[in-house]
Amino acid sequence: RSAVGSGDKAKWLPVNPVKGGISVNIGDMLSHWSDGELFANLHRVRMPRDASECAKSRYSIGYFTQADDSHVIVTKNGDPITAGDYIKMRLKANFK
C-alpha cells in the first residue's frame, strides 16, 4: 500500500512507488496555463497504517511557486488573466 493517493471525493486510488520514479502533483495554475495538458488532480498523503508500511524510506519535498501577480497567463482556450487574479479566483471558489 501507498501513503500517497489521488482521486475525487468518491474514491481514493493508491499511487504506489516505482523504483527510480517520482510522483509530481501539478497545481491548478499550471494546469490552466497548459490548457489542461497537465492535470491538477486532488491528492493526499496519509500516515502509514502499521509498521510494515514504515519499512522503506520515503522522501517528500514540497515546492510551491507561482508567476508574479502581474504576469498575464495566455492560453489557447481561455481568456488572458493575470496570475494574481487567477489565484484570487481560485481562493474565492473555496469559500462559496
C-alpha atoms as a PDB file:
ATOM      1  CA  ARG A   1       0.000   0.000   0.000  1.00  0.00           C
ATOM      2  CA  SER A   2       1.000   3.557  -0.558  1.00  0.00           C
ATOM      3  CA  ALA A   3       0.636   6.593   1.660  1.00  0.00           C
ATOM      4  CA  VAL A   4       0.016   8.776  -1.382  1.00  0.00           C
ATOM      5  CA  GLY A   5      -3.371   8.785  -3.058  1.00  0.00           C
ATOM      6  CA  SER A   6      -5.184  10.568  -5.811  1.00  0.00           C
ATOM      7  CA  GLY A   7      -8.807  10.730  -6.799  1.00  0.00           C
ATOM      8  CA  ASP A   8     -12.009  12.514  -6.034  1.00  0.00           C
ATOM      9  CA  LYS A   9     -14.484  12.531  -3.156  1.00  0.00           C
ATOM     10  CA  ALA A  10     -15.937   9.204  -4.280  1.00  0.00           C
ATOM     11  CA  LYS A  11     -12.805   7.053  -4.299  1.00  0.00           C
ATOM     12  CA  TRP A  12      -9.097   7.315  -3.443  1.00  0.00           C
ATOM     13  CA  LEU A  13      -6.639   5.286  -5.504  1.00  0.00           C
ATOM     14  CA  PRO A  14      -3.171   4.350  -4.239  1.00  0.00           C
ATOM     15  CA  VAL A  15      -0.155   5.723  -6.070  1.00  0.00           C
ATOM     16  CA  ASN A  16       2.397   3.005  -5.455  1.00  0.00           C
ATOM     17  CA  PRO A  17       6.096   3.818  -5.651  1.00  0.00           C
ATOM     18  CA  VAL A  18       8.010   2.952  -8.818  1.00  0.00           C
ATOM     19  CA  LYS A  19      11.705   2.254  -8.345  1.00  0.00           C
ATOM     20  CA  GLY A  20      13.639   5.279  -9.605  1.00  0.00           C
ATOM     21  CA  GLY A  21      10.418   7.187 -10.286  1.00  0.00           C
ATOM     22  CA  ILE A  22       8.844  10.324  -8.874  1.00  0.00           C
ATOM     23  CA  SER A  23       5.262  11.446  -8.422  1.00  0.00           C
ATOM     24  CA  VAL A  24       4.570  15.103  -9.200  1.00  0.00           C
ATOM     25  CA  ASN A  25       1.376  16.899  -8.240  1.00  0.00           C
ATOM     26  CA  ILE A  26       0.692  19.776 -10.611  1.00  0.00           C
ATOM     27  CA  GLY A  27      -1.142  22.827  -9.277  1.00  0.00           C
ATOM     28  CA  ASP A  28      -4.261  24.463 -10.694  1.00  0.00           C
ATOM     29  CA  MET A  29      -2.423  27.419 -12.237  1.00  0.00           C
ATOM     30  CA  LEU A  30      -0.019  25.217 -14.233  1.00  0.00           C
ATOM     31  CA  SER A  31      -2.934  23.065 -15.351  1.00  0.00           C
ATOM     32  CA  HIS A  32      -4.748  26.195 -16.572  1.00  0.00           C
ATOM     33  CA  TRP A  33      -1.598  27.562 -18.206  1.00  0.00           C
ATOM     34  CA  SER A  34      -1.104  24.285 -20.105  1.00  0.00           C
ATOM     35  CA  ASP A  35      -4.735  24.288 -21.335  1.00  0.00           C
ATOM     36  CA  GLY A  36      -5.324  21.118 -19.342  1.00  0.00           C
ATOM     37  CA  GLU A  37      -2.434  19.186 -20.883  1.00  0.00           C
ATOM     38  CA  LEU A  38      -1.083  18.865 -17.328  1.00  0.00           C
ATOM     39  CA  PHE A  39      -3.798  17.670 -14.948  1.00  0.00           C
ATOM     40  CA  ALA A  40      -4.103  19.007 -11.380  1.00  0.00           C
ATOM     41  CA  ASN A  41      -5.635  16.100  -9.505  1.00  0.00           C
ATOM     42  CA  LEU A  42      -6.926  16.102  -5.958  1.00  0.00           C
ATOM     43  CA  HIS A  43      -4.316  14.352  -3.807  1.00  0.00           C
ATOM     44  CA  ARG A  44      -3.469  13.484  -0.227  1.00  0.00           C
ATOM     45  CA  VAL A  45      -0.690  11.997   1.857  1.00  0.00           C
ATOM     46  CA  ARG A  46      -1.709   9.840   4.794  1.00  0.00           C
ATOM     47  CA  MET A  47       0.128   8.392   7.774  1.00  0.00           C
ATOM     48  CA  PRO A  48       1.334   4.769   7.499  1.00  0.00           C
ATOM     49  CA  ARG A  49      -1.216   2.297   8.909  1.00  0.00           C
ATOM     50  CA  ASP A  50       1.276  -0.075  10.520  1.00  0.00           C
ATOM     51  CA  ALA A  51       4.984  -0.878  10.909  1.00  0.00           C
ATOM     52  CA  SER A  52       5.142  -2.751   7.593  1.00  0.00           C
ATOM     53  CA  GLU A  53       4.309   0.468   5.740  1.00  0.00           C
ATOM     54  CA  CYS A  54       7.223   2.180   7.520  1.00  0.00           C
ATOM     55  CA  ALA A  55       9.783  -0.397   6.363  1.00  0.00           C
ATOM     56  CA  LYS A  56      11.141   1.666   3.455  1.00  0.00           C
ATOM     57  CA  SER A  57      12.283   5.270   3.388  1.00  0.00           C
ATOM     58  CA  ARG A  58      10.142   7.724   1.528  1.00  0.00           C
ATOM     59  CA  TYR A  59      11.047  11.320   0.787  1.00  0.00           C
ATOM     60  CA  SER A  60       8.667  14.175   0.155  1.00  0.00           C
ATOM     61  CA  ILE A  61       9.737  17.624  -0.966  1.00  0.00           C
ATOM     62  CA  GLY A  62       7.169  20.389  -1.042  1.00  0.00           C
ATOM     63  CA  TYR A  63       7.968  23.137  -3.531  1.00  0.00           C
ATOM     64  CA  PHE A  64       5.442  25.859  -4.230  1.00  0.00           C
ATOM     65  CA  THR A  65       5.872  28.652  -6.720  1.00  0.00           C
ATOM     66  CA  GLN A  66       3.730  30.859  -8.896  1.00  0.00           C
ATOM     67  CA  ALA A  67       4.117  33.534 -11.508  1.00  0.00           C
ATOM     68  CA  ASP A  68       4.418  37.179 -10.471  1.00  0.00           C
ATOM     69  CA  ASP A  69       0.966  38.626  -9.668  1.00  0.00           C
ATOM     70  CA  SER A  70       1.109  40.972 -12.665  1.00  0.00           C
ATOM     71  CA  HIS A  71       2.172  38.288 -15.178  1.00  0.00           C
ATOM     72  CA  VAL A  72      -0.537  37.646 -17.774  1.00  0.00           C
ATOM     73  CA  ILE A  73      -1.306  33.974 -18.380  1.00  0.00           C
ATOM     74  CA  VAL A  74      -2.241  33.485 -22.022  1.00  0.00           C
ATOM     75  CA  THR A  75      -3.711  30.172 -23.159  1.00  0.00           C
ATOM     76  CA  LYS A  76      -5.098  28.875 -26.441  1.00  0.00           C
ATOM     77  CA  ASN A  77      -8.511  28.040 -24.975  1.00  0.00           C
ATOM     78  CA  GLY A  78      -9.176  30.754 -22.390  1.00  0.00           C
ATOM     79  CA  ASP A  79      -9.211  34.461 -21.791  1.00  0.00           C
ATOM     80  CA  PRO A  80      -5.969  36.100 -20.636  1.00  0.00           C
ATOM     81  CA  ILE A  81      -5.784  36.520 -16.856  1.00  0.00           C
ATOM     82  CA  THR A  82      -3.087  37.786 -14.523  1.00  0.00           C
ATOM     83  CA  ALA A  83      -1.547  35.273 -12.138  1.00  0.00           C
ATOM     84  CA  GLY A  84      -2.785  37.384  -9.217  1.00  0.00           C
ATOM     85  CA  ASP A  85      -6.368  37.413 -10.484  1.00  0.00           C
ATOM     86  CA  TYR A  86      -6.206  33.663 -11.128  1.00  0.00           C
ATOM     87  CA  ILE A  87      -5.118  32.978  -7.531  1.00  0.00           C
ATOM     88  CA  LYS A  88      -7.857  35.275  -6.189  1.00  0.00           C
ATOM     89  CA  MET A  89     -10.443  33.474  -8.336  1.00  0.00           C
ATOM     90  CA  ARG A  90      -9.331  30.051  -7.069  1.00  0.00           C
ATOM     91  CA  LEU A  91      -9.300  31.203  -3.432  1.00  0.00           C
ATOM     92  CA  LYS A  92     -12.807  32.673  -3.735  1.00  0.00           C
ATOM     93  CA  ALA A  93     -14.033  29.367  -5.202  1.00  0.00           C
ATOM     94  CA  ASN A  94     -13.044  27.637  -1.943  1.00  0.00           C
ATOM     95  CA  PHE A  95     -15.360  29.827   0.118  1.00  0.00           C
ATOM     96  CA  LYS A  96     -18.647  29.737  -1.787  1.00  0.00           C
END
